[in-house]
Amino acid sequence: MTKYKLDKLALVVTVMALPTLSMTGCVTVKDYYQEYFGMDKSTREVTGYYEHVDSKIYRNTLVVPEGLDNPGVNSELTIPQVDAKSLHGPLGEAVDVRPPTAPYRSDMGIHTQWSDGEAIVWFERNGSHGIQTEDDAWMLLASVLKHMNIGVGKIAPGQYLLTTISRDFTEFGKPYDGSDAEVGLKKYNQIYQIRVGRNSDGSLGIASKLIGSMTSLSSGKGMEDLLDMIEQERFAMGFANNIIHEIDSKQHEAVVDPDNLVVSIGKDHNNHQAIIVEAPFETTTAILEGLFDRCGWKVTKHSVSKAEYDVEVNDNTDNWVNVRGRRLLDINTGKYKIRVGIHQKQYSAITFYNEKDTPIPDKEISRLYPGFADVLVEEFKTYSGAQSVKVEAN
């Protein structure tokens, strides 16, 4: 075979391989690109149009029609002539034009504020949050960090001051999870310093400060990417806003008595047989995250936006779970889709589907219900913090 034919064959093989490479997913391609060509910071700009960078100054071509007075002149509004070479600072893509993370305000009387390098969660005096003292805020912080799965690394003796263990976050200050990895979001391994205190007028707050950060691609590859002040503010404010969201969830849980949580069988909005939980949607979805592990059900996929879980019951040992000495949960082995929906505007409906996305028969729901309800109640008690929480460094 001639060299020409070999080169032609190699070209054909290369062209045929390109679609296969593309099929591996945009996330993988993006990871490789950033690993070898540097950080992709295109998300830091809004439009991608930078014609203004090449703009030129032209002479005034305004023509006043005959018969009209010349427009008024105010010397204070005169734009001075500036030598472009004397200007310093970033231009075009180098400018981070994303807006900062907006402060969040809860109807419980809690709001966030950025001040002197710290993102502060303020507890307003007339709020319904029930936080009045430093001890109240400290214990609440411990419960919130535990639910956000953020470990405590160090506590300053005799002070309401702690430093967290490093944890992965998104660029919005939210703890990084599997759904973020699926869409290829960059993760930032960060450490926060958090303190409880009061300002000069006696207002109580929880202040968070970002003290360490390292950027990684979704593949786990570490990248050199120093955060500027705008990014540091965005992270800390996002982290503080997430604290408020967690406090809101805790407040919703307090409305429901863990010892009297009502779990029943009913119909969801699609008229499918479902397990109805008389608890808010946000609370129920948060409880399920820990409940599946406790049941021995493997979560193979989770969509936060759809409140949908793909779970797999692998063998007979997964059909039961011990709760205070009782054996529970009667469910066939196999793959299931579990969806959570809002029921009657204030409760939650949990609907089970088989692998073909068809609701499982009513008799199977009836068989599963007694044990699943008991496990749900037990998990709710654990999640709602019925037992006291002690702040300890790991």
Protein backbone atom coordinates (compact mmCIF):
# COMPACT_ATOMS: atom_id res chain seq x y z
CA MET A 1 0.00 0.00 0.00
CA THR A 2 1.47 3.41 -0.93
CA LYS A 3 2.26 6.14 1.55
CA TYR A 4 -0.49 8.27 0.00
CA LYS A 5 -3.08 5.59 0.65
CA LEU A 6 -1.84 5.14 4.21
CA ASP A 7 -2.11 8.87 4.88
CA LYS A 8 -5.59 8.89 3.37
CA LEU A 9 -6.63 5.93 5.52
CA ALA A 10 -5.31 7.65 8.66
CA LEU A 11 -7.30 10.77 7.77
CA VAL A 12 -10.51 8.74 7.37
CA VAL A 13 -9.95 6.99 10.71
CA THR A 14 -9.34 10.34 12.41
CA VAL A 15 -12.50 11.89 10.94
CA MET A 16 -14.55 8.84 11.93
CA ALA A 17 -13.18 9.05 15.47
CA LEU A 18 -14.21 12.68 15.99
CA PRO A 19 -17.96 11.97 16.46
CA THR A 20 -17.07 9.22 18.93
CA LEU A 21 -14.95 11.66 20.91
CA SER A 22 -17.81 14.18 20.88
CA MET A 23 -20.21 11.55 22.17
CA THR A 24 -18.24 11.21 25.40
CA GLY A 25 -19.91 14.38 26.57
CA CYS A 26 -19.35 18.11 26.60
CA VAL A 27 -18.25 17.98 30.22
CA THR A 28 -15.30 15.68 29.48
CA VAL A 29 -14.19 17.77 26.48
CA LYS A 30 -14.50 20.93 28.55
CA ASP A 31 -12.40 19.41 31.34
CA TYR A 32 -9.62 18.39 28.95
CA TYR A 33 -9.67 21.81 27.27
CA GLN A 34 -9.32 23.67 30.55
CA GLU A 35 -6.70 21.25 31.85
CA TYR A 36 -4.36 21.85 28.91
CA PHE A 37 -5.27 25.40 27.84
CA GLY A 38 -6.02 27.02 31.19
CA MET A 39 -9.15 28.13 33.05
CA ASP A 40 -12.20 28.96 30.93
CA LYS A 41 -13.51 32.19 32.42
CA SER A 42 -16.01 32.91 29.65
CA THR A 43 -18.82 32.73 32.21
CA ARG A 44 -17.50 35.93 33.71
CA GLU A 45 -18.93 37.97 30.85
CA VAL A 46 -22.52 38.40 29.77
CA THR A 47 -22.66 39.05 26.01
CA GLY A 48 -19.31 38.11 24.53
CA TYR A 49 -19.30 41.31 22.44
CA TYR A 50 -16.26 43.52 22.89
CA GLU A 51 -16.54 46.04 20.06
CA HIS A 52 -16.29 48.79 22.68
CA VAL A 53 -12.65 47.82 23.24
CA ASP A 54 -11.80 48.94 19.69
CA SER A 55 -13.90 52.10 19.80
CA LYS A 56 -12.39 55.37 18.57
CA ILE A 57 -13.07 59.01 19.44
CA TYR A 58 -14.54 61.03 16.58
CA ARG A 59 -15.02 64.77 16.33
CA ASN A 60 -18.39 66.24 17.25
CA THR A 61 -20.64 65.95 14.18
CA LEU A 62 -23.80 67.33 15.79
CA VAL A 63 -25.46 69.77 13.40
CA VAL A 64 -27.98 72.24 14.82
CA PRO A 65 -30.76 72.94 12.31
CA GLU A 66 -31.11 76.51 11.17
CA GLY A 67 -33.48 78.54 13.28
CA LEU A 68 -32.78 76.69 16.52
CA ASP A 69 -30.69 77.97 19.37
CA ASN A 70 -27.45 76.22 20.10
CA PRO A 71 -27.82 73.70 22.89
CA GLY A 72 -26.80 74.89 26.32
CA VAL A 73 -23.26 74.26 27.46
CA ASN A 74 -22.25 73.31 30.99
CA SER A 75 -18.52 73.24 31.55
CA GLU A 76 -18.95 70.84 34.50
CA LEU A 77 -20.19 68.18 32.07
CA THR A 78 -17.27 68.46 29.70
CA ILE A 79 -15.58 65.10 29.16
CA PRO A 80 -11.83 65.62 29.45
CA GLN A 81 -9.46 64.29 26.85
CA VAL A 82 -7.61 61.26 28.23
CA ASP A 83 -4.62 59.54 26.73
CA ALA A 84 -5.63 55.87 26.30
CA LYS A 85 -2.05 54.80 26.98
CA SER A 86 -2.23 56.25 30.47
CA LEU A 87 -5.20 54.10 31.45
CA HIS A 88 -4.59 50.97 33.48
CA GLY A 89 -6.83 48.04 34.33
CA PRO A 90 -8.48 45.04 32.69
CA LEU A 91 -10.37 45.28 29.41
CA GLY A 92 -12.80 43.02 27.55
CA GLU A 93 -12.92 39.43 28.76
CA ALA A 94 -10.58 40.24 31.62
CA VAL A 95 -13.35 42.25 33.30
CA ASP A 96 -15.64 40.28 35.61
CA VAL A 97 -19.01 41.83 34.72
CA ARG A 98 -21.17 39.33 36.60
CA PRO A 99 -23.32 40.97 39.27
CA PRO A 100 -22.48 40.17 42.89
CA THR A 101 -24.66 37.70 44.78
CA ALA A 102 -27.69 39.66 45.93
CA PRO A 103 -28.48 39.85 49.66
CA TYR A 104 -31.35 37.60 50.71
CA ARG A 105 -34.17 38.52 53.09
CA SER A 106 -36.39 35.95 54.81
CA ASP A 107 -39.92 36.60 56.05
CA MET A 108 -38.70 35.29 59.41
CA GLY A 109 -36.85 38.57 59.97
CA ILE A 110 -33.40 37.48 58.80
CA HIS A 111 -31.30 39.10 56.06
CA THR A 112 -27.76 39.02 54.70
CA GLN A 113 -25.32 41.87 54.17
CA TRP A 114 -21.78 42.22 52.80
CA SER A 115 -19.61 44.35 55.07
CA ASP A 116 -15.83 44.70 55.45
CA GLY A 117 -14.99 41.39 53.79
CA GLU A 118 -17.63 39.36 55.65
CA ALA A 119 -21.07 38.08 54.67
CA ILE A 120 -23.32 38.58 57.69
CA VAL A 121 -26.63 36.93 58.54
CA TRP A 122 -28.53 39.44 60.70
CA PHE A 123 -31.31 38.43 63.09
CA GLU A 124 -33.79 41.31 63.28
CA ARG A 125 -35.16 42.08 66.74
CA ASN A 126 -38.84 41.82 65.76
CA GLY A 127 -38.40 38.62 63.67
CA SER A 128 -40.07 35.26 64.22
CA HIS A 129 -36.76 33.34 64.17
CA GLY A 130 -36.60 33.00 67.97
CA ILE A 131 -32.84 33.77 68.08
CA GLN A 132 -32.17 36.20 70.92
CA THR A 133 -28.76 35.38 72.37
CA GLU A 134 -25.30 34.39 71.18
CA ASP A 135 -25.89 30.89 72.56
CA ASP A 136 -29.08 30.60 70.47
CA ALA A 137 -27.23 31.62 67.30
CA TRP A 138 -24.27 29.33 68.11
CA MET A 139 -26.45 26.23 68.58
CA LEU A 140 -28.46 27.07 65.46
CA LEU A 141 -25.21 27.43 63.49
CA ALA A 142 -24.10 23.98 64.69
CA SER A 143 -27.34 22.40 63.49
CA VAL A 144 -27.20 24.19 60.13
CA LEU A 145 -23.57 23.18 59.45
CA LYS A 146 -24.38 19.58 60.35
CA HIS A 147 -27.23 19.46 57.83
CA MET A 148 -25.09 21.14 55.15
CA ASN A 149 -22.48 18.43 55.82
CA ILE A 150 -19.82 21.00 56.67
CA GLY A 151 -17.38 19.81 59.33
CA VAL A 152 -15.91 21.99 62.07
CA GLY A 153 -12.12 21.98 62.13
CA LYS A 154 -11.27 24.36 64.96
CA ILE A 155 -13.10 26.32 67.65
CA ALA A 156 -11.47 29.31 69.36
CA PRO A 157 -11.51 28.71 73.14
CA GLY A 158 -13.95 30.97 74.97
CA GLN A 159 -15.20 32.59 71.76
CA TYR A 160 -18.09 32.18 69.35
CA LEU A 161 -15.60 31.59 66.54
CA LEU A 162 -14.94 28.49 64.42
CA THR A 163 -13.11 27.45 61.27
CA THR A 164 -14.64 24.86 58.97
CA ILE A 165 -12.97 21.83 57.45
CA SER A 166 -12.39 22.20 53.69
CA ARG A 167 -15.50 21.37 51.67
CA ASP A 168 -16.40 21.54 47.97
CA PHE A 169 -18.77 24.34 46.92
CA THR A 170 -20.22 25.69 43.69
CA GLU A 171 -19.45 29.26 42.67
CA PHE A 172 -22.72 30.30 44.34
CA GLY A 173 -21.64 29.17 47.81
CA LYS A 174 -23.78 26.02 47.75
CA PRO A 175 -22.28 22.71 48.92
CA TYR A 176 -21.21 20.73 45.83
CA ASP A 177 -23.11 17.48 45.13
CA GLY A 178 -23.46 14.81 42.45
CA SER A 179 -25.97 16.78 40.39
CA ASP A 180 -23.45 19.63 40.05
CA ALA A 181 -20.79 17.19 38.82
CA GLU A 182 -23.21 15.79 36.21
CA VAL A 183 -23.53 19.19 34.51
CA GLY A 184 -19.79 19.86 34.71
CA LEU A 185 -19.76 22.72 37.21
CA LYS A 186 -16.37 23.69 38.58
CA LYS A 187 -15.95 22.98 42.28
CA TYR A 188 -14.12 25.10 44.78
CA ASN A 189 -12.57 23.45 47.83
CA GLN A 190 -12.99 26.12 50.47
CA ILE A 191 -12.53 26.93 54.14
CA TYR A 192 -14.67 29.47 55.99
CA GLN A 193 -14.21 31.28 59.26
CA ILE A 194 -17.53 31.87 61.00
CA ARG A 195 -18.24 33.92 64.11
CA VAL A 196 -21.27 34.96 66.14
CA GLY A 197 -21.39 38.48 67.51
CA ARG A 198 -23.11 41.85 67.72
CA ASN A 199 -22.52 45.21 66.07
CA SER A 200 -22.37 48.59 67.77
CA ASP A 201 -26.15 48.92 68.11
CA GLY A 202 -26.49 45.43 69.64
CA SER A 203 -27.83 43.59 66.58
CA LEU A 204 -27.01 39.86 66.58
CA GLY A 205 -25.47 38.18 63.55
CA ILE A 206 -23.47 35.28 62.10
CA ALA A 207 -20.51 36.50 60.01
CA SER A 208 -18.77 34.28 57.41
CA LYS A 209 -15.42 34.95 55.77
CA LEU A 210 -13.75 32.94 53.02
CA ILE A 211 -10.16 32.24 54.10
CA GLY A 212 -9.10 29.52 51.64
CA SER A 213 -10.10 28.35 48.16
CA MET A 214 -8.82 26.01 45.44
CA THR A 215 -10.49 25.56 42.06
CA SER A 216 -11.04 22.12 40.51
CA LEU A 217 -12.68 20.89 37.33
CA SER A 218 -15.55 18.43 37.62
CA SER A 219 -12.97 15.74 36.72
CA GLY A 220 -11.08 16.55 39.91
CA LYS A 221 -8.14 18.24 38.15
CA GLY A 222 -6.83 21.12 40.30
CA MET A 223 -6.37 24.46 38.53
CA GLU A 224 -4.46 27.63 39.33
CA ASP A 225 -7.17 30.25 39.63
CA LEU A 226 -6.85 33.01 42.22
CA LEU A 227 -10.16 34.53 43.27
CA ASP A 228 -10.58 38.28 42.95
CA MET A 229 -12.52 40.36 45.49
CA ILE A 230 -15.78 40.17 43.52
CA GLU A 231 -15.57 36.38 43.46
CA GLN A 232 -14.77 36.22 47.17
CA GLU A 233 -17.83 38.33 47.90
CA ARG A 234 -19.97 36.14 45.64
CA PHE A 235 -18.88 32.97 47.44
CA ALA A 236 -19.29 34.33 50.96
CA MET A 237 -22.67 35.92 50.24
CA GLY A 238 -23.87 32.73 48.56
CA PHE A 239 -22.73 30.76 51.62
CA ALA A 240 -24.56 33.17 53.95
CA ASN A 241 -27.72 33.01 51.83
CA ASN A 242 -27.60 29.21 52.02
CA ILE A 243 -27.44 29.48 55.82
CA ILE A 244 -30.73 31.43 55.72
CA HIS A 245 -32.31 28.80 53.46
CA GLU A 246 -31.32 26.13 55.98
CA ILE A 247 -32.74 28.20 58.84
CA ASP A 248 -36.00 28.57 56.88
CA SER A 249 -36.15 24.78 56.50
CA LYS A 250 -35.56 24.36 60.22
CA GLN A 251 -38.40 26.78 60.95
CA HIS A 252 -40.76 24.78 58.71
CA GLU A 253 -39.78 21.62 60.53
CA ALA A 254 -40.54 23.21 63.87
CA VAL A 255 -44.15 23.71 62.76
CA VAL A 256 -44.50 19.93 62.36
CA ASP A 257 -44.31 17.86 65.56
CA PRO A 258 -41.80 15.03 64.91
CA ASP A 259 -43.68 12.78 67.37
CA ASN A 260 -46.97 13.33 65.55
CA LEU A 261 -45.94 13.41 61.90
CA VAL A 262 -48.84 12.11 59.80
CA VAL A 263 -47.94 9.76 56.92
CA SER A 264 -50.83 8.25 54.96
CA ILE A 265 -51.79 6.71 51.62
CA GLY A 266 -53.56 8.92 49.09
CA LYS A 267 -53.59 10.16 45.51
CA ASP A 268 -51.07 12.56 44.04
CA HIS A 269 -51.99 15.30 41.53
CA ASN A 270 -51.80 12.69 38.72
CA ASN A 271 -54.31 10.51 40.59
CA HIS A 272 -51.64 7.87 41.25
CA GLN A 273 -51.42 5.98 44.53
CA ALA A 274 -48.83 7.74 46.69
CA ILE A 275 -47.52 8.09 50.21
CA ILE A 276 -48.67 11.46 51.60
CA VAL A 277 -46.48 13.21 54.17
CA GLU A 278 -47.96 16.09 56.15
CA ALA A 279 -44.73 18.07 56.04
CA PRO A 280 -43.44 20.79 53.66
CA PHE A 281 -41.99 19.75 50.31
CA GLU A 282 -38.51 21.12 51.14
CA THR A 283 -38.39 19.20 54.41
CA THR A 284 -39.52 15.93 52.84
CA THR A 285 -36.95 16.06 50.03
CA ALA A 286 -34.20 16.81 52.54
CA ILE A 287 -35.23 13.83 54.69
CA LEU A 288 -35.22 11.44 51.73
CA GLU A 289 -31.53 12.10 51.05
CA GLY A 290 -30.58 10.28 54.25
CA LEU A 291 -33.48 7.86 54.27
CA PHE A 292 -32.50 5.95 51.11
CA ASP A 293 -29.05 5.14 52.50
CA ARG A 294 -30.64 3.96 55.71
CA CYS A 295 -32.95 1.67 53.75
CA GLY A 296 -30.03 0.18 51.81
CA TRP A 297 -31.42 1.53 48.54
CA LYS A 298 -28.75 2.67 46.11
CA VAL A 299 -29.45 6.06 44.50
CA THR A 300 -28.15 5.84 40.91
CA LYS A 301 -29.44 9.23 39.76
CA HIS A 302 -30.91 12.30 41.40
CA SER A 303 -32.51 15.32 39.76
CA VAL A 304 -32.89 18.23 42.15
CA SER A 305 -35.01 20.30 39.75
CA LYS A 306 -37.47 17.45 39.18
CA ALA A 307 -37.34 16.11 42.77
CA GLU A 308 -36.78 12.68 41.24
CA TYR A 309 -34.65 9.76 42.43
CA ASP A 310 -33.60 6.63 40.54
CA VAL A 311 -33.04 3.93 43.17
CA GLU A 312 -32.02 0.30 42.99
CA VAL A 313 -32.98 -2.46 45.44
CA ASN A 314 -30.35 -5.10 44.71
CA ASP A 315 -31.15 -8.10 46.93
CA ASN A 316 -33.44 -9.38 49.62
CA THR A 317 -31.31 -7.95 52.41
CA ASP A 318 -32.26 -4.49 51.17
CA ASN A 319 -35.95 -5.21 51.68
CA TRP A 320 -35.75 -4.60 55.41
CA VAL A 321 -34.26 -2.11 57.80
CA ASN A 322 -34.00 -2.32 61.58
CA VAL A 323 -35.60 0.54 63.47
CA ARG A 324 -35.55 0.08 67.24
CA GLY A 325 -35.46 -3.68 66.86
CA ARG A 326 -38.30 -3.98 64.34
CA ARG A 327 -37.84 -5.29 60.79
CA LEU A 328 -39.53 -3.12 58.21
CA LEU A 329 -39.91 -2.37 54.48
CA ASP A 330 -41.54 -4.88 52.16
CA ILE A 331 -40.52 -4.06 48.58
CA ASN A 332 -39.56 -6.19 45.59
CA THR A 333 -36.02 -6.10 44.26
CA GLY A 334 -35.51 -4.02 41.13
CA LYS A 335 -35.13 -0.47 39.89
CA TYR A 336 -37.54 2.33 40.78
CA LYS A 337 -38.16 5.99 40.09
CA ILE A 338 -39.34 7.95 43.12
CA ARG A 339 -40.83 11.41 42.63
CA VAL A 340 -41.77 13.95 45.27
CA GLY A 341 -44.49 16.51 44.59
CA ILE A 342 -46.37 19.24 46.45
CA HIS A 343 -49.69 18.02 47.82
CA GLN A 344 -52.52 20.43 48.69
CA LYS A 345 -50.04 23.35 48.67
CA GLN A 346 -48.53 22.49 52.07
CA TYR A 347 -47.81 18.74 52.15
CA SER A 348 -45.76 16.28 50.09
CA ALA A 349 -46.63 13.27 47.93
CA ILE A 350 -44.09 10.48 47.31
CA THR A 351 -44.93 8.38 44.23
CA PHE A 352 -43.16 5.15 43.23
CA TYR A 353 -42.67 4.14 39.57
CA ASN A 354 -41.12 1.02 38.09
CA GLU A 355 -38.17 0.95 35.69
CA LYS A 356 -40.51 1.60 32.76
CA ASP A 357 -41.80 4.76 34.46
CA THR A 358 -45.19 3.22 35.23
CA PRO A 359 -46.73 3.69 38.71
CA ILE A 360 -46.31 0.53 40.75
CA PRO A 361 -49.57 -1.30 41.63
CA ASP A 362 -51.68 -0.05 44.54
CA LYS A 363 -51.27 -3.33 46.40
CA GLU A 364 -47.47 -2.93 46.39
CA ILE A 365 -47.80 0.59 47.81
CA SER A 366 -50.11 -0.75 50.52
CA ARG A 367 -47.56 -3.44 51.35
CA LEU A 368 -44.68 -0.96 51.49
CA TYR A 369 -46.55 1.80 53.34
CA PRO A 370 -46.44 0.63 57.01
CA GLY A 371 -42.68 0.13 57.13
CA PHE A 372 -41.83 3.10 54.94
CA ALA A 373 -43.97 5.39 57.11
CA ASP A 374 -42.19 4.21 60.27
CA VAL A 375 -38.75 4.73 58.73
CA LEU A 376 -39.83 8.19 57.49
CA VAL A 377 -40.98 9.23 60.96
CA GLU A 378 -37.75 8.01 62.56
CA GLU A 379 -35.66 9.83 59.96
CA PHE A 380 -37.72 12.99 60.49
CA LYS A 381 -36.97 12.93 64.21
CA THR A 382 -33.25 12.64 63.51
CA TYR A 383 -33.26 15.34 60.85
CA SER A 384 -35.37 17.85 62.80
CA GLY A 385 -32.86 17.90 65.63
CA ALA A 386 -35.15 16.49 68.33
CA GLN A 387 -31.99 15.69 70.27
CA SER A 388 -29.62 18.44 71.38
CA VAL A 389 -26.63 19.25 69.17
CA LYS A 390 -23.20 19.92 70.63
CA VAL A 391 -20.59 21.85 68.68
CA GLU A 392 -17.36 19.89 68.54
CA ALA A 393 -14.28 20.09 66.36
CA ASN A 394 -13.62 16.97 64.28
